[in-house]
PDB file of N, CA and C in Angstrom:
ATOM      1  N   MET A   1       0.777  -1.054  -0.045  1.00  0.00           N
ATOM      2  CA  MET A   1      -0.130   0.130  -0.197  1.00  0.00           C
ATOM      3  C   MET A   1       0.441   1.374  -0.068  1.00  0.00           C
ATOM      4  N   ALA A   2       1.767   1.966   0.987  1.00  0.00           N
ATOM      5  CA  ALA A   2       2.519   2.327   0.391  1.00  0.00           C
ATOM      6  C   ALA A   2       3.901   3.249  -0.302  1.00  0.00           C
ATOM      7  N   SER A   3       3.648   1.527  -0.996  1.00  0.00           N
ATOM      8  CA  SER A   3       5.008   1.168  -2.144  1.00  0.00           C
ATOM      9  C   SER A   3       4.176   2.433  -3.232  1.00  0.00           C
ATOM     10  N   THR A   4       1.921   1.967  -3.258  1.00  0.00           N
ATOM     11  CA  THR A   4       1.788   2.545  -4.314  1.00  0.00           C
ATOM     12  C   THR A   4       1.207   3.574  -4.230  1.00  0.00           C
ATOM     13  N   VAL A   5       1.202   4.662  -2.947  1.00  0.00           N
ATOM     14  CA  VAL A   5       1.532   5.370  -1.973  1.00  0.00           C
ATOM     15  C   VAL A   5       2.259   6.194  -3.117  1.00  0.00           C
ATOM     16  N   VAL A   6       3.732   5.845  -2.717  1.00  0.00           N
ATOM     17  CA  VAL A   6       4.903   6.636  -3.401  1.00  0.00           C
ATOM     18  C   VAL A   6       4.966   6.333  -4.670  1.00  0.00           C
ATOM     19  N   ALA A   7       4.148   5.833  -5.626  1.00  0.00           N
ATOM     20  CA  ALA A   7       5.104   5.435  -7.077  1.00  0.00           C
ATOM     21  C   ALA A   7       3.976   6.465  -7.397  1.00  0.00           C
ATOM     22  N   VAL A   8       2.558   6.981  -6.722  1.00  0.00           N
ATOM     23  CA  VAL A   8       1.664   7.499  -7.481  1.00  0.00           C
ATOM     24  C   VAL A   8       2.195   9.224  -7.542  1.00  0.00           C
ATOM     25  N   GLY A   9       2.481   9.217  -5.899  1.00  0.00           N
ATOM     26  CA  GLY A   9       3.773  10.677  -5.892  1.00  0.00           C
ATOM     27  C   GLY A   9       4.656  11.104  -6.984  1.00  0.00           C
ATOM     28  N   LEU A  10       4.762  10.103  -7.035  1.00  0.00           N
ATOM     29  CA  LEU A  10       5.711  10.463  -7.901  1.00  0.00           C
ATOM     30  C   LEU A  10       6.121  10.500  -9.338  1.00  0.00           C
ATOM     31  N   THR A  11       5.213   9.736 -10.065  1.00  0.00           N
ATOM     32  CA  THR A  11       3.897   9.198 -11.113  1.00  0.00           C
ATOM     33  C   THR A  11       3.501  11.168 -11.465  1.00  0.00           C
ATOM     34  N   ILE A  12       2.930  11.854 -10.562  1.00  0.00           N
ATOM     35  CA  ILE A  12       2.461  13.159 -10.152  1.00  0.00           C
ATOM     36  C   ILE A  12       3.184  14.360 -10.316  1.00  0.00           C
ATOM     37  N   ALA A  13       4.574  14.055  -9.753  1.00  0.00           N
ATOM     38  CA  ALA A  13       6.007  14.843  -9.940  1.00  0.00           C
ATOM     39  C   ALA A  13       6.672  14.606 -10.380  1.00  0.00           C
ATOM     40  N   ALA A  14       6.852  13.724 -11.556  1.00  0.00           N
ATOM     41  CA  ALA A  14       7.547  13.611 -12.712  1.00  0.00           C
ATOM     42  C   ALA A  14       6.359  14.139 -14.128  1.00  0.00           C
ATOM     43  N   ALA A  15       4.386  14.537 -13.858  1.00  0.00           N
ATOM     44  CA  ALA A  15       4.078  14.767 -14.419  1.00  0.00           C
ATOM     45  C   ALA A  15       3.991  16.268 -14.305  1.00  0.00           C
ATOM     46  N   GLY A  16       4.620  17.267 -13.215  1.00  0.00           N
ATOM     47  CA  GLY A  16       4.531  18.119 -12.905  1.00  0.00           C
ATOM     48  C   GLY A  16       5.815  18.830 -13.750  1.00  0.00           C
ATOM     49  N   PHE A  17       6.935  18.187 -13.117  1.00  0.00           N
ATOM     50  CA  PHE A  17       7.709  18.526 -13.808  1.00  0.00           C
ATOM     51  C   PHE A  17       8.025  18.845 -15.242  1.00  0.00           C
ATOM     52  N   ALA A  18       7.429  17.527 -15.778  1.00  0.00           N
ATOM     53  CA  ALA A  18       7.404  17.827 -17.400  1.00  0.00           C
ATOM     54  C   ALA A  18       6.179  19.135 -18.103  1.00  0.00           C
ATOM     55  N   GLY A  19       5.396  19.225 -17.383  1.00  0.00           N
ATOM     56  CA  GLY A  19       4.467  19.904 -17.793  1.00  0.00           C
ATOM     57  C   GLY A  19       4.973  21.615 -17.857  1.00  0.00           C
ATOM     58  N   ARG A  20       5.671  21.985 -16.438  1.00  0.00           N
ATOM     59  CA  ARG A  20       6.709  22.890 -16.500  1.00  0.00           C
ATOM     60  C   ARG A  20       7.460  23.091 -17.699  1.00  0.00           C
ATOM     61  N   TYR A  21       8.417  22.177 -17.691  1.00  0.00           N
ATOM     62  CA  TYR A  21       9.191  21.748 -18.897  1.00  0.00           C
ATOM     63  C   TYR A  21       8.782  22.474 -20.203  1.00  0.00           C
ATOM     64  N   VAL A  22       7.213  21.800 -21.009  1.00  0.00           N
ATOM     65  CA  VAL A  22       6.877  21.718 -21.782  1.00  0.00           C
ATOM     66  C   VAL A  22       6.047  23.722 -21.915  1.00  0.00           C
ATOM     67  N   LEU A  23       5.888  24.120 -20.527  1.00  0.00           N
ATOM     68  CA  LEU A  23       5.182  25.501 -20.481  1.00  0.00           C
ATOM     69  C   LEU A  23       6.550  26.407 -20.843  1.00  0.00           C
ATOM     70  N   GLN A  24       7.392  26.071 -20.553  1.00  0.00           N
ATOM     71  CA  GLN A  24       8.632  26.224 -20.774  1.00  0.00           C
ATOM     72  C   GLN A  24       9.872  26.778 -22.174  1.00  0.00           C
ATOM     73  N   ALA A  25       9.378  25.740 -22.942  1.00  0.00           N
ATOM     74  CA  ALA A  25       9.940  25.355 -23.729  1.00  0.00           C
ATOM     75  C   ALA A  25       8.969  26.581 -25.116  1.00  0.00           C
ATOM     76  N   MET A  26       7.474  26.471 -24.507  1.00  0.00           N
ATOM     77  CA  MET A  26       6.666  27.338 -25.444  1.00  0.00           C
ATOM     78  C   MET A  26       6.542  28.807 -25.586  1.00  0.00           C
ATOM     79  N   LYS A  27       6.994  29.109 -24.360  1.00  0.00           N
ATOM     80  CA  LYS A  27       7.110  30.336 -24.176  1.00  0.00           C
ATOM     81  C   LYS A  27       8.334  30.785 -25.133  1.00  0.00           C
ATOM     82  N   HIS A  28       9.632  30.205 -25.463  1.00  0.00           N
ATOM     83  CA  HIS A  28      10.498  30.188 -26.293  1.00  0.00           C
ATOM     84  C   HIS A  28      10.692  29.519 -27.612  1.00  0.00           C
ATOM     85  N   MET A  29       9.733  29.053 -27.758  1.00  0.00           N
ATOM     86  CA  MET A  29       8.498  28.656 -29.424  1.00  0.00           C
ATOM     87  C   MET A  29       8.143  29.709 -29.714  1.00  0.00           C
ATOM     88  N   GLU A  30       7.604  30.864 -28.713  1.00  0.00           N
ATOM     89  CA  GLU A  30       6.648  31.153 -29.368  1.00  0.00           C
ATOM     90  C   GLU A  30       6.456  32.369 -30.368  1.00  0.00           C
ATOM     91  N   PRO A  31       8.154  33.094 -31.004  1.00  0.00           N
ATOM     92  CA  PRO A  31       7.962  33.954 -31.761  1.00  0.00           C
ATOM     93  C   PRO A  31       7.753  32.988 -32.840  1.00  0.00           C
ATOM     94  N   GLN A  32       8.396  31.861 -33.144  1.00  0.00           N
ATOM     95  CA  GLN A  32       8.630  31.455 -33.951  1.00  0.00           C
ATOM     96  C   GLN A  32       7.385  30.752 -34.830  1.00  0.00           C
ATOM     97  N   VAL A  33       6.242  30.810 -33.594  1.00  0.00           N
ATOM     98  CA  VAL A  33       4.984  29.890 -33.990  1.00  0.00           C
ATOM     99  C   VAL A  33       4.040  31.089 -34.762  1.00  0.00           C
ATOM    100  N   LYS A  34       3.932  32.012 -34.131  1.00  0.00           N
ATOM    101  CA  LYS A  34       3.501  33.491 -34.595  1.00  0.00           C
ATOM    102  C   LYS A  34       4.244  33.953 -35.875  1.00  0.00           C
ATOM    103  N   GLN A  35       5.381  33.382 -35.790  1.00  0.00           N
ATOM    104  CA  GLN A  35       6.013  34.148 -37.187  1.00  0.00           C
ATOM    105  C   GLN A  35       5.417  32.702 -38.563  1.00  0.00           C
ATOM    106  N   VAL A  36       5.378  32.002 -38.595  1.00  0.00           N
ATOM    107  CA  VAL A  36       4.264  30.635 -39.059  1.00  0.00           C
ATOM    108  C   VAL A  36       3.300  31.112 -39.121  1.00  0.00           C
ATOM    109  N   PHE A  37       2.714  31.571 -38.342  1.00  0.00           N
ATOM    110  CA  PHE A  37       1.233  31.700 -38.507  1.00  0.00           C
ATOM    111  C   PHE A  37       0.581  32.840 -39.706  1.00  0.00           C
ATOM    112  N   GLN A  38       1.057  33.539 -39.140  1.00  0.00           N
ATOM    113  CA  GLN A  38       2.049  35.142 -39.897  1.00  0.00           C
ATOM    114  C   GLN A  38       1.727  34.845 -41.614  1.00  0.00           C
ATOM    115  N   SER A  39       2.879  33.851 -41.722  1.00  0.00           N
ATOM    116  CA  SER A  39       3.137  33.473 -43.468  1.00  0.00           C
ATOM    117  C   SER A  39       2.544  32.880 -43.765  1.00  0.00           C
ATOM    118  N   LEU A  40       1.416  32.275 -43.494  1.00  0.00           N
ATOM    119  CA  LEU A  40       0.338  31.323 -43.913  1.00  0.00           C
ATOM    120  C   LEU A  40      -1.354  32.152 -45.408  1.00  0.00           C
ATOM    121  N   PRO A  41      -1.317  31.596 -45.522  1.00  0.00           N
ATOM    122  CA  PRO A  41      -2.577  33.027 -46.064  1.00  0.00           C
ATOM    123  C   PRO A  41      -3.538  32.853 -45.327  1.00  0.00           C
ATOM    124  N   LYS A  42      -4.410  33.714 -45.604  1.00  0.00           N
ATOM    125  CA  LYS A  42      -5.672  34.632 -44.925  1.00  0.00           C
ATOM    126  C   LYS A  42      -6.469  33.935 -44.702  1.00  0.00           C
ATOM    127  N   SER A  43      -7.224  33.076 -45.857  1.00  0.00           N
ATOM    128  CA  SER A  43      -7.459  32.371 -46.579  1.00  0.00           C
ATOM    129  C   SER A  43      -7.769  30.582 -46.014  1.00  0.00           C
ATOM    130  N   ALA A  44      -6.862  30.395 -44.721  1.00  0.00           N
ATOM    131  CA  ALA A  44      -6.384  28.904 -44.604  1.00  0.00           C
ATOM    132  C   ALA A  44      -7.310  28.884 -43.743  1.00  0.00           C
ATOM    133  N   PHE A  45      -7.653  30.570 -42.956  1.00  0.00           N
ATOM    134  CA  PHE A  45      -8.557  30.632 -41.579  1.00  0.00           C
ATOM    135  C   PHE A  45      -9.581  31.531 -41.561  1.00  0.00           C
ATOM    136  N   SER A  46      -9.861  32.244 -42.226  1.00  0.00           N
ATOM    137  CA  SER A  46     -11.404  32.536 -42.519  1.00  0.00           C
ATOM    138  C   SER A  46     -12.596  31.353 -43.042  1.00  0.00           C
ATOM    139  N   GLY A  47     -13.519  31.858 -42.724  1.00  0.00           N
ATOM    140  CA  GLY A  47     -14.861  31.637 -42.529  1.00  0.00           C
ATOM    141  C   GLY A  47     -15.489  32.221 -43.543  1.00  0.00           C
ATOM    142  N   GLY A  48     -14.941  33.682 -43.602  1.00  0.00           N
ATOM    143  CA  GLY A  48     -16.163  34.657 -43.673  1.00  0.00           C
ATOM    144  C   GLY A  48     -15.740  34.871 -45.407  1.00  0.00           C
ATOM    145  N   TYR A  49     -15.525  36.415 -46.071  1.00  0.00           N
ATOM    146  CA  TYR A  49     -15.917  36.279 -47.144  1.00  0.00           C
ATOM    147  C   TYR A  49     -14.221  36.487 -47.929  1.00  0.00           C
ATOM    148  N   TYR A  50     -13.762  36.678 -48.689  1.00  0.00           N
ATOM    149  CA  TYR A  50     -12.892  36.707 -49.811  1.00  0.00           C
ATOM    150  C   TYR A  50     -12.849  38.321 -49.647  1.00  0.00           C
ATOM    151  N   ARG A  51     -12.385  39.380 -49.470  1.00  0.00           N
ATOM    152  CA  ARG A  51     -11.774  41.153 -49.359  1.00  0.00           C
ATOM    153  C   ARG A  51     -10.523  41.005 -50.487  1.00  0.00           C
ATOM    154  N   GLY A  52     -11.511  41.195 -51.989  1.00  0.00           N
ATOM    155  CA  GLY A  52     -10.428  41.477 -52.664  1.00  0.00           C
ATOM    156  C   GLY A  52     -10.960  42.589 -53.856  1.00  0.00           C
ATOM    157  N   GLY A  53     -10.103  43.010 -54.833  1.00  0.00           N
ATOM    158  CA  GLY A  53     -10.387  43.841 -56.041  1.00  0.00           C
ATOM    159  C   GLY A  53     -11.480  43.343 -57.279  1.00  0.00           C
ATOM    160  N   PHE A  54     -11.875  43.269 -57.209  1.00  0.00           N
ATOM    161  CA  PHE A  54     -13.044  42.250 -58.157  1.00  0.00           C
ATOM    162  C   PHE A  54     -12.580  43.328 -59.291  1.00  0.00           C
ATOM    163  N   GLU A  55     -12.804  42.280 -60.409  1.00  0.00           N
ATOM    164  CA  GLU A  55     -12.291  42.992 -62.190  1.00  0.00           C
ATOM    165  C   GLU A  55     -14.392  42.723 -63.012  1.00  0.00           C
ATOM    166  N   PRO A  56     -14.360  43.130 -63.290  1.00  0.00           N
ATOM    167  CA  PRO A  56     -15.475  43.660 -64.404  1.00  0.00           C
ATOM    168  C   PRO A  56     -15.913  42.155 -64.646  1.00  0.00           C
ATOM    169  N   LYS A  57     -15.715  41.014 -64.765  1.00  0.00           N
ATOM    170  CA  LYS A  57     -16.269  40.025 -65.376  1.00  0.00           C
ATOM    171  C   LYS A  57     -16.067  39.357 -64.544  1.00  0.00           C
ATOM    172  N   MET A  58     -15.987  38.582 -63.765  1.00  0.00           N
ATOM    173  CA  MET A  58     -15.650  36.900 -62.368  1.00  0.00           C
ATOM    174  C   MET A  58     -15.157  35.916 -63.810  1.00  0.00           C
ATOM    175  N   THR A  59     -14.004  36.529 -62.591  1.00  0.00           N
ATOM    176  CA  THR A  59     -13.561  35.783 -63.783  1.00  0.00           C
ATOM    177  C   THR A  59     -13.211  33.866 -63.050  1.00  0.00           C
ATOM    178  N   LYS A  60     -12.398  32.931 -63.343  1.00  0.00           N
ATOM    179  CA  LYS A  60     -12.564  31.125 -62.597  1.00  0.00           C
ATOM    180  C   LYS A  60     -12.514  31.535 -61.335  1.00  0.00           C
ATOM    181  N   ARG A  61     -10.538  32.015 -61.803  1.00  0.00           N
ATOM    182  CA  ARG A  61      -9.617  32.372 -60.348  1.00  0.00           C
ATOM    183  C   ARG A  61     -10.682  33.152 -58.415  1.00  0.00           C
ATOM    184  N   GLU A  62     -11.143  33.989 -59.197  1.00  0.00           N
ATOM    185  CA  GLU A  62     -12.193  34.621 -58.405  1.00  0.00           C
ATOM    186  C   GLU A  62     -13.526  34.450 -58.095  1.00  0.00           C
ATOM    187  N   ALA A  63     -13.860  33.212 -58.694  1.00  0.00           N
ATOM    188  CA  ALA A  63     -14.696  32.485 -58.612  1.00  0.00           C
ATOM    189  C   ALA A  63     -14.479  31.551 -56.812  1.00  0.00           C
ATOM    190  N   ALA A  64     -13.159  30.894 -57.520  1.00  0.00           N
ATOM    191  CA  ALA A  64     -12.522  29.895 -56.802  1.00  0.00           C
ATOM    192  C   ALA A  64     -11.410  30.227 -54.813  1.00  0.00           C
ATOM    193  N   LEU A  65     -11.758  31.693 -55.811  1.00  0.00           N
ATOM    194  CA  LEU A  65     -11.356  32.362 -54.363  1.00  0.00           C
ATOM    195  C   LEU A  65     -12.790  32.542 -53.691  1.00  0.00           C
ATOM    196  N   ILE A  66     -13.644  33.046 -54.252  1.00  0.00           N
ATOM    197  CA  ILE A  66     -14.646  33.238 -52.915  1.00  0.00           C
ATOM    198  C   ILE A  66     -15.081  31.902 -51.943  1.00  0.00           C
ATOM    199  N   LEU A  67     -15.669  30.675 -52.629  1.00  0.00           N
ATOM    200  CA  LEU A  67     -16.472  29.711 -52.597  1.00  0.00           C
ATOM    201  C   LEU A  67     -14.972  28.818 -51.778  1.00  0.00           C
ATOM    202  N   GLY A  68     -13.277  29.625 -52.010  1.00  0.00           N
ATOM    203  CA  GLY A  68     -12.276  29.250 -51.049  1.00  0.00           C
ATOM    204  C   GLY A  68     -11.797  27.315 -51.529  1.00  0.00           C
ATOM    205  N   VAL A  69     -11.781  27.293 -53.094  1.00  0.00           N
ATOM    206  CA  VAL A  69     -11.736  26.189 -53.488  1.00  0.00           C
ATOM    207  C   VAL A  69     -10.619  26.259 -54.287  1.00  0.00           C
ATOM    208  N   SER A  70     -10.283  25.241 -55.275  1.00  0.00           N
ATOM    209  CA  SER A  70      -8.764  25.095 -56.182  1.00  0.00           C
ATOM    210  C   SER A  70      -9.602  25.819 -57.633  1.00  0.00           C
ATOM    211  N   PRO A  71      -9.333  26.286 -58.269  1.00  0.00           N
ATOM    212  CA  PRO A  71      -9.866  26.142 -59.468  1.00  0.00           C
ATOM    213  C   PRO A  71     -10.071  25.291 -60.251  1.00  0.00           C
ATOM    214  N   THR A  72      -9.236  24.241 -60.299  1.00  0.00           N
ATOM    215  CA  THR A  72      -9.104  23.334 -60.483  1.00  0.00           C
ATOM    216  C   THR A  72     -10.660  22.255 -59.993  1.00  0.00           C
ATOM    217  N   ALA A  73     -11.583  22.807 -59.106  1.00  0.00           N
ATOM    218  CA  ALA A  73     -11.999  21.798 -58.219  1.00  0.00           C
ATOM    219  C   ALA A  73     -13.568  20.997 -58.674  1.00  0.00           C
ATOM    220  N   ASN A  74     -13.790  20.389 -58.779  1.00  0.00           N
ATOM    221  CA  ASN A  74     -14.341  19.521 -59.403  1.00  0.00           C
ATOM    222  C   ASN A  74     -15.951  19.411 -58.903  1.00  0.00           C
ATOM    223  N   LYS A  75     -17.054  18.942 -59.773  1.00  0.00           N
ATOM    224  CA  LYS A  75     -17.913  19.888 -59.160  1.00  0.00           C
ATOM    225  C   LYS A  75     -18.361  19.240 -58.099  1.00  0.00           C
ATOM    226  N   GLY A  76     -18.188  18.311 -57.841  1.00  0.00           N
ATOM    227  CA  GLY A  76     -18.882  18.247 -55.868  1.00  0.00           C
ATOM    228  C   GLY A  76     -18.479  19.154 -54.944  1.00  0.00           C
ATOM    229  N   LYS A  77     -16.799  19.397 -55.915  1.00  0.00           N
ATOM    230  CA  LYS A  77     -16.361  20.221 -54.318  1.00  0.00           C
ATOM    231  C   LYS A  77     -17.426  21.943 -54.667  1.00  0.00           C
ATOM    232  N   ILE A  78     -17.037  22.169 -55.633  1.00  0.00           N
ATOM    233  CA  ILE A  78     -17.915  23.554 -55.674  1.00  0.00           C
ATOM    234  C   ILE A  78     -19.212  23.433 -55.437  1.00  0.00           C
ATOM    235  N   ARG A  79     -19.997  22.803 -55.500  1.00  0.00           N
ATOM    236  CA  ARG A  79     -21.117  22.635 -55.417  1.00  0.00           C
ATOM    237  C   ARG A  79     -21.900  22.721 -53.694  1.00  0.00           C
ATOM    238  N   ASP A  80     -20.881  22.478 -53.300  1.00  0.00           N
ATOM    239  CA  ASP A  80     -20.511  21.983 -50.966  1.00  0.00           C
ATOM    240  C   ASP A  80     -19.998  22.976 -51.370  1.00  0.00           C
ATOM    241  N   ALA A  81     -19.396  23.830 -51.374  1.00  0.00           N
ATOM    242  CA  ALA A  81     -18.751  24.754 -50.961  1.00  0.00           C
ATOM    243  C   ALA A  81     -19.071  26.269 -51.021  1.00  0.00           C
ATOM    244  N   HIS A  82     -20.538  26.017 -52.325  1.00  0.00           N
ATOM    245  CA  HIS A  82     -21.170  26.983 -52.965  1.00  0.00           C
ATOM    246  C   HIS A  82     -22.264  26.840 -52.255  1.00  0.00           C
ATOM    247  N   ARG A  83     -23.031  25.785 -51.097  1.00  0.00           N
ATOM    248  CA  ARG A  83     -24.171  25.329 -50.719  1.00  0.00           C
ATOM    249  C   ARG A  83     -23.943  25.389 -48.909  1.00  0.00           C
ATOM    250  N   ARG A  84     -21.748  25.943 -48.218  1.00  0.00           N
ATOM    251  CA  ARG A  84     -21.182  26.437 -47.276  1.00  0.00           C
ATOM    252  C   ARG A  84     -22.240  27.610 -47.415  1.00  0.00           C
ATOM    253  N   ILE A  85     -21.097  28.451 -48.527  1.00  0.00           N
ATOM    254  CA  ILE A  85     -21.584  29.456 -48.030  1.00  0.00           C
ATOM    255  C   ILE A  85     -23.607  29.866 -48.447  1.00  0.00           C
ATOM    256  N   MET A  86     -24.203  29.621 -48.968  1.00  0.00           N
ATOM    257  CA  MET A  86     -26.000  30.223 -48.924  1.00  0.00           C
ATOM    258  C   MET A  86     -25.749  29.812 -47.288  1.00  0.00           C
ATOM    259  N   LEU A  87     -25.286  28.633 -46.818  1.00  0.00           N
ATOM    260  CA  LEU A  87     -25.556  28.667 -45.312  1.00  0.00           C
ATOM    261  C   LEU A  87     -25.711  29.376 -44.790  1.00  0.00           C
ATOM    262  N   LEU A  88     -24.384  30.043 -44.438  1.00  0.00           N
ATOM    263  CA  LEU A  88     -23.644  30.913 -43.820  1.00  0.00           C
ATOM    264  C   LEU A  88     -24.306  32.049 -44.218  1.00  0.00           C
ATOM    265  N   ASN A  89     -24.583  32.631 -45.355  1.00  0.00           N
ATOM    266  CA  ASN A  89     -24.714  33.883 -45.862  1.00  0.00           C
ATOM    267  C   ASN A  89     -26.388  34.158 -45.562  1.00  0.00           C
ATOM    268  N   HIS A  90     -27.243  32.970 -44.792  1.00  0.00           N
ATOM    269  CA  HIS A  90     -29.062  32.887 -45.521  1.00  0.00           C
ATOM    270  C   HIS A  90     -29.258  33.440 -43.919  1.00  0.00           C
ATOM    271  N   PRO A  91     -30.302  34.628 -44.804  1.00  0.00           N
ATOM    272  CA  PRO A  91     -30.890  35.683 -43.421  1.00  0.00           C
ATOM    273  C   PRO A  91     -32.042  34.957 -42.697  1.00  0.00           C
ATOM    274  N   ASP A  92     -32.685  33.824 -42.506  1.00  0.00           N
ATOM    275  CA  ASP A  92     -33.156  33.263 -41.643  1.00  0.00           C
ATOM    276  C   ASP A  92     -32.142  32.589 -40.376  1.00  0.00           C
ATOM    277  N   LYS A  93     -30.526  33.067 -40.692  1.00  0.00           N
ATOM    278  CA  LYS A  93     -29.788  32.438 -40.111  1.00  0.00           C
ATOM    279  C   LYS A  93     -29.473  33.378 -38.668  1.00  0.00           C
ATOM    280  N   GLY A  94     -30.128  34.548 -38.517  1.00  0.00           N
ATOM    281  CA  GLY A  94     -30.117  35.659 -37.787  1.00  0.00           C
ATOM    282  C   GLY A  94     -29.399  36.877 -37.254  1.00  0.00           C
ATOM    283  N   LYS A  95     -28.258  36.464 -38.671  1.00  0.00           N
ATOM    284  CA  LYS A  95     -27.522  37.549 -38.786  1.00  0.00           C
ATOM    285  C   LYS A  95     -27.580  38.603 -38.498  1.00  0.00           C
TER     286      LYS A  95
END
């Protein structure tokens, strides 16, 4: 019984020290992580709208950017993306 209590105590202490080490390591890595997130394209995180300059006639590239799909996407992906955008912007959604 006593050996079990000692083993549990040592396990908890080891987990505490490991957690402390991880937190300290994360503080040192924070600038690199921020730089990586800033270098990623904004469309990777935005579920919102395409904020860009529009041409007089919409191109395939612009349509793909608005829907958030590849310009070479198949009809199924385009249909799903269009449905997602329509559901997000539906007037009955309450926004």
